[in-house]
Protein backbone atom coordinates (compact mmCIF):
# COMPACT_ATOMS: atom_id res chain seq x y z
CA MET A 1 -2.52 35.25 16.45
CA MET A 2 -2.98 33.24 13.33
CA LEU A 3 1.04 32.55 13.00
CA TYR A 4 1.30 31.35 17.01
CA SER A 5 -0.97 28.00 15.57
CA ILE A 6 1.06 28.06 12.58
CA PHE A 7 4.10 27.66 15.07
CA ASP A 8 2.09 26.00 17.65
CA MET A 9 1.06 23.61 15.22
CA LEU A 10 5.11 22.94 14.07
CA SER A 11 5.95 21.92 18.03
CA TYR A 12 4.52 17.87 17.32
CA ASP A 13 6.34 15.86 15.62
CA PHE A 14 2.56 14.48 13.35
CA MET A 15 2.04 17.74 12.53
CA GLN A 16 6.26 17.75 10.78
CA ARG A 17 5.69 14.22 9.34
CA ALA A 18 2.35 16.41 7.96
CA ILE A 19 3.46 19.15 6.76
CA LEU A 20 6.24 17.49 5.05
CA ALA A 21 3.78 14.22 3.42
CA ILE A 22 1.57 17.46 2.17
CA LEU A 23 4.49 18.42 -0.06
CA ALA A 24 5.09 15.54 -1.53
CA MET A 25 2.13 13.86 -2.19
CA SER A 26 1.77 17.54 -3.51
CA LEU A 27 4.86 17.53 -5.85
CA PHE A 28 2.59 14.37 -7.91
CA ALA A 29 0.08 13.92 -7.14
CA PRO A 30 -1.21 16.82 -9.22
CA ILE A 31 0.76 15.75 -12.34
CA LEU A 32 -1.06 12.33 -12.40
CA GLY A 33 -3.88 13.39 -12.25
CA LEU A 34 -3.84 16.07 -15.33
CA PHE A 35 -2.75 13.15 -17.03
CA LEU A 36 -5.24 11.02 -15.86
CA ILE A 37 -8.07 13.38 -16.57
CA LEU A 38 -6.65 14.29 -20.39
CA ARG A 39 -6.60 11.01 -20.70
CA ARG A 40 -10.30 10.66 -19.92
CA GLN A 41 -9.48 7.71 -17.20
CA SER A 42 -9.74 10.42 -14.36
CA LEU A 43 -11.79 7.68 -12.60
CA MET A 44 -9.01 4.99 -12.80
CA SER A 45 -7.47 6.18 -8.97
CA ASP A 46 -10.75 5.71 -7.54
CA THR A 47 -11.13 2.59 -8.87
CA LEU A 48 -7.68 2.06 -8.35
CA SER A 49 -7.87 3.14 -4.08
CA HIS A 50 -10.39 1.01 -4.05
CA VAL A 51 -8.46 -2.42 -5.23
CA SER A 52 -5.93 -0.91 -2.33
CA LEU A 53 -8.51 -2.09 0.04
CA ALA A 54 -8.27 -5.95 -1.40
CA GLY A 55 -4.41 -5.14 -0.70
CA VAL A 56 -4.90 -4.51 2.73
CA ALA A 57 -6.81 -7.23 3.57
CA PHE A 58 -4.75 -10.23 2.28
CA GLY A 59 -1.92 -8.02 4.18
CA LEU A 60 -3.88 -8.11 7.22
CA LEU A 61 -4.41 -11.37 6.33
CA LEU A 62 -1.71 -13.06 5.67
CA GLY A 63 0.69 -10.90 8.40
CA MET A 64 2.83 -9.39 5.86
CA SER A 65 3.35 -5.31 5.68
CA THR A 66 0.14 -3.85 4.18
CA THR A 67 1.45 -1.36 1.71
CA TRP A 68 3.43 -3.99 0.60
CA SER A 69 0.60 -6.01 -0.34
CA THR A 70 -1.58 -3.23 -1.92
CA ILE A 71 2.32 -2.44 -3.48
CA ILE A 72 1.10 -5.47 -5.02
CA ILE A 73 -2.02 -5.89 -5.49
CA VAL A 74 -2.63 -1.86 -7.04
CA VAL A 75 0.11 -2.82 -9.83
CA LEU A 76 -1.51 -6.88 -10.92
CA ALA A 77 -4.65 -4.24 -10.71
CA ALA A 78 -3.19 -2.07 -12.61
CA VAL A 79 -2.23 -4.72 -15.62
CA LEU A 80 -5.20 -5.99 -16.36
CA LEU A 81 -6.78 -2.07 -16.74
CA GLU A 82 -4.67 -1.65 -19.26
CA TYR A 83 -5.50 -4.91 -20.38
CA LEU A 84 -9.31 -4.43 -20.08
CA ARG A 85 -8.74 -1.04 -22.06
CA THR A 86 -7.92 -2.03 -24.78
CA VAL A 87 -10.43 -4.83 -24.60
CA TYR A 88 -12.76 -2.57 -24.14
CA LYS A 89 -11.10 0.85 -26.10
CA HIS A 90 -14.66 2.93 -26.41
CA TYR A 91 -15.69 1.77 -23.40
CA MET A 92 -13.70 3.27 -20.93
CA GLU A 93 -15.90 2.43 -18.34
CA ILE A 94 -16.59 -0.99 -18.71
CA SER A 95 -12.97 -2.00 -17.28
CA THR A 96 -12.79 0.68 -14.21
CA ALA A 97 -16.93 -0.12 -13.28
CA ILE A 98 -15.77 -4.53 -12.96
CA LEU A 99 -11.73 -4.48 -11.29
CA MET A 100 -13.81 -0.90 -8.55
CA SER A 101 -16.56 -4.43 -8.51
CA LEU A 102 -13.57 -6.87 -7.96
CA GLY A 103 -11.59 -5.64 -5.43
CA LEU A 104 -14.29 -4.44 -3.17
CA ALA A 105 -15.66 -7.93 -3.14
CA LEU A 106 -11.76 -9.92 -2.73
CA SER A 107 -11.38 -7.08 0.81
CA LEU A 108 -15.04 -7.92 2.04
CA ILE A 109 -14.83 -11.44 1.50
CA ILE A 110 -11.68 -11.43 2.49
CA THR A 111 -12.04 -9.33 5.65
CA SER A 112 -15.04 -11.57 7.02
CA LYS A 113 -12.13 -14.92 7.07
CA SER A 114 -9.77 -13.42 8.05
CA SER A 115 -9.33 -12.69 12.47
CA ASN A 116 -6.73 -10.41 11.94
CA ALA A 117 -8.33 -8.53 9.64
CA SER A 118 -11.95 -8.18 10.74
CA SER A 119 -10.50 -7.51 14.27
CA MET A 120 -8.81 -4.54 12.79
CA SER A 121 -10.61 -1.96 11.89
CA LEU A 122 -10.40 -0.63 7.76
CA ASP A 123 -11.53 2.91 8.81
CA GLN A 124 -7.78 4.38 8.81
CA TYR A 125 -7.36 2.83 4.52
CA LEU A 126 -11.10 4.03 3.25
CA PHE A 127 -10.55 7.58 4.81
CA GLY A 128 -7.27 7.22 5.31
CA SER A 129 -4.86 9.48 8.24
CA ILE A 130 -2.43 12.34 7.61
CA ILE A 131 -1.39 13.09 10.93
CA THR A 132 -0.81 9.77 11.74
CA ILE A 133 1.90 8.64 9.07
CA ASN A 134 4.98 7.57 9.92
CA SER A 135 8.64 9.26 9.41
CA SER A 136 8.81 5.36 6.45
CA GLN A 137 5.68 6.67 4.41
CA VAL A 138 6.49 9.77 4.52
CA LEU A 139 10.12 8.97 2.74
CA ALA A 140 8.29 6.78 0.86
CA LEU A 141 6.28 9.55 -0.34
CA PHE A 142 9.02 11.42 -1.34
CA VAL A 143 10.82 9.07 -3.37
CA ILE A 144 7.54 8.23 -5.55
CA ALA A 145 7.47 11.93 -5.80
CA VAL A 146 10.87 12.13 -7.07
CA VAL A 147 10.27 8.99 -9.65
CA VAL A 148 7.39 10.92 -11.24
CA LEU A 149 9.06 14.33 -11.08
CA LEU A 150 12.01 12.71 -12.97
CA LEU A 151 9.84 11.30 -15.84
CA THR A 152 8.46 13.52 -16.05
CA VAL A 153 10.97 15.92 -16.09
CA PHE A 154 12.52 13.37 -19.53
CA PHE A 155 9.52 12.40 -21.34
CA MET A 156 7.14 15.24 -21.19
CA ARG A 157 7.10 14.95 -24.31
CA PRO A 158 6.15 11.53 -25.51
CA THR A 159 3.79 10.96 -22.45
CA TYR A 160 2.14 14.57 -23.99
CA ILE A 161 1.07 13.03 -27.31
CA LEU A 162 0.71 9.56 -25.79
CA THR A 163 -1.80 11.76 -24.29
CA PHE A 164 -3.98 13.84 -27.06
CA ASP A 165 -3.10 10.81 -29.55
CA GLU A 166 -1.84 7.68 -28.94
CA ASP A 167 -1.95 7.87 -33.32
CA THR A 168 0.76 9.41 -33.57
CA ALA A 169 2.05 8.64 -30.85
CA PHE A 170 2.58 5.23 -32.02
CA VAL A 171 3.01 6.27 -35.51
CA ASP A 172 6.11 8.51 -33.83
CA GLY A 173 7.16 4.69 -33.47
CA LEU A 174 6.70 4.75 -29.71
CA PRO A 175 5.71 1.75 -27.99
CA VAL A 176 2.39 2.77 -26.72
CA LYS A 177 1.94 0.18 -25.31
CA TRP A 178 4.83 -0.50 -22.81
CA MET A 179 4.58 3.64 -21.68
CA SER A 180 0.22 3.40 -20.95
CA LEU A 181 1.68 0.25 -19.05
CA ALA A 182 4.34 1.79 -17.25
CA PHE A 183 1.67 5.01 -16.62
CA ASN A 184 -0.74 2.71 -15.49
CA ILE A 185 1.78 1.07 -12.68
CA VAL A 186 3.47 3.96 -11.16
CA THR A 187 -0.21 5.34 -10.58
CA GLY A 188 -0.32 2.61 -9.18
CA ILE A 189 2.09 2.79 -7.09
CA ALA A 190 1.83 6.08 -5.99
CA ILE A 191 -1.82 5.11 -4.98
CA ALA A 192 -0.86 2.82 -2.82
CA LEU A 193 1.00 4.60 -0.97
CA MET A 194 -0.70 7.37 -0.38
CA ILE A 195 -3.45 5.70 1.05
CA PRO A 196 -2.18 5.75 5.16
CA ALA A 197 -2.77 10.07 4.58
CA ALA A 198 -5.03 10.25 1.99
CA GLY A 199 -7.44 6.63 2.31
CA ALA A 200 -8.63 5.11 -0.51
CA LEU A 201 -12.70 7.40 -0.05
CA LEU A 202 -11.11 10.42 -1.07
CA VAL A 203 -6.87 9.58 -2.80
CA SER A 204 -8.59 10.41 -6.35
CA THR A 205 -9.29 14.07 -4.34
CA ILE A 206 -5.92 15.03 -4.56
CA MET A 207 -5.44 13.79 -7.52
CA VAL A 208 -7.26 14.82 -9.82
CA LEU A 209 -9.73 18.43 -7.95
CA PRO A 210 -6.16 20.41 -8.18
CA ALA A 211 -5.30 19.29 -11.93
CA SER A 212 -8.98 20.04 -12.38
CA ILE A 213 -8.93 23.84 -10.95
CA ALA A 214 -5.44 24.47 -13.02
CA MET A 215 -6.30 23.31 -15.92
CA ARG A 216 -9.72 26.30 -15.78
CA ILE A 217 -7.41 29.11 -14.29
CA GLY A 218 -3.30 27.20 -16.30
CA LYS A 219 -2.43 29.30 -20.08
CA SER A 220 0.11 26.42 -21.02
CA PHE A 221 0.11 22.94 -20.11
CA LYS A 222 3.15 23.85 -17.69
CA SER A 223 1.27 25.95 -16.03
CA VAL A 224 -1.33 23.86 -15.95
CA ILE A 225 1.08 21.60 -13.98
CA ALA A 226 2.29 24.12 -11.74
CA TYR A 227 -0.73 25.71 -10.67
CA ALA A 228 -1.90 22.45 -10.38
CA MET A 229 0.82 21.36 -7.05
CA GLY A 230 0.45 25.53 -5.83
CA ILE A 231 -3.29 24.30 -5.75
CA GLY A 232 -2.38 21.26 -4.83
CA PHE A 233 -0.95 22.01 -1.99
CA LEU A 234 -2.21 25.80 -0.70
CA GLY A 235 -5.99 23.29 -0.19
CA MET A 236 -4.37 20.80 2.08
CA ILE A 237 -2.80 23.13 4.44
CA ALA A 238 -4.97 24.29 4.71
CA GLY A 239 -7.84 21.40 5.39
CA VAL A 240 -4.79 20.06 8.01
CA TYR A 241 -4.64 23.49 9.55
CA LEU A 242 -8.41 23.89 9.89
CA SER A 243 -9.47 19.65 10.96
CA TYR A 244 -6.56 20.64 13.40
CA HIS A 245 -8.76 23.03 14.36
CA TRP A 246 -12.27 22.82 14.45
CA GLU A 247 -11.22 19.17 14.94
CA THR A 248 -12.25 17.25 12.08
CA PRO A 249 -10.73 13.89 9.78
CA ALA A 250 -8.15 16.31 7.96
CA SER A 251 -8.71 13.44 4.67
CA ALA A 252 -12.35 15.55 4.66
CA THR A 253 -11.56 18.61 5.16
CA ILE A 254 -8.92 18.92 2.91
CA THR A 255 -11.45 17.85 0.81
CA ILE A 256 -14.37 20.02 0.92
CA ILE A 257 -11.85 22.47 0.50
CA LEU A 258 -11.05 21.27 -2.43
CA ILE A 259 -14.27 21.44 -3.85
CA GLY A 260 -14.36 24.74 -2.10
CA ILE A 261 -11.72 26.49 -4.79
CA PHE A 262 -12.80 24.28 -7.06
CA LEU A 263 -17.19 26.14 -7.02
CA LEU A 264 -15.19 29.25 -6.57
CA THR A 265 -12.76 29.28 -10.01
CA SER A 266 -15.64 27.98 -11.95
CA LEU A 267 -17.85 30.88 -10.99
CA TYR A 268 -14.73 32.86 -11.23
CA THR A 269 -13.71 31.59 -14.33
CA PHE A 270 -18.18 32.02 -15.44
CA LEU A 271 -18.43 35.95 -14.42
CA ARG A 272 -14.88 36.21 -16.74
CA ARG A 273 -17.07 34.72 -19.60
CA ARG A 274 -20.17 36.77 -19.46
CA ALA A 275 -18.02 40.08 -18.09
């Protein structure tokens, strides 16, 4: 019965695109999320996703593609975030709070002044809808997935060193500032491309939770990455499947599923240590 239900889902074009989008996001989102956690920048995904709303508002105001306007704004925010990180080196939460507030303020002001933006519901950008994304958006997700995977493969060691100890990376002759800036920019572009599917309010869930779960069960850095990809894919697939039958928002259902997996994993780890 369940198998028939799955085939029934896949008979629809929008569900096929949703599955492909899930596959693409599961290839890069957990990797970026893992590095964000290890760099103690897990809130950066939430910050940039909120800033993306200003990009959407600018796109609606100027009558241009919201995808491109979001990418431009988020990349600029990623550069500014890196600058603020160096200014407030030991108080990273200050820079995230500043940018998050700025992004929300700009989006509200632009929306209130633009007839195009005010007539356009921002709900789809706040919460996303993985079942309404189009083919070009799916393709963009696969492009950024390939970029992130290639960067991970070829720059695994220097990124690993940079993540855990910037001073050691600097002594080794690595361009610390440029590498950190490049990471922020790639993360910002990835978030901008995920917004239509995951939404500005839930994109950090898909990035951070699979990596958080994998860190509890993985024994090595590479195994954590592999577990994070698998958990992200299974969590998103389960969320879409249940949302299809329960008629609930896909992004919210995915979030509940991933949080459930996180709680079960935490409970299992706790009980295993007590045994």
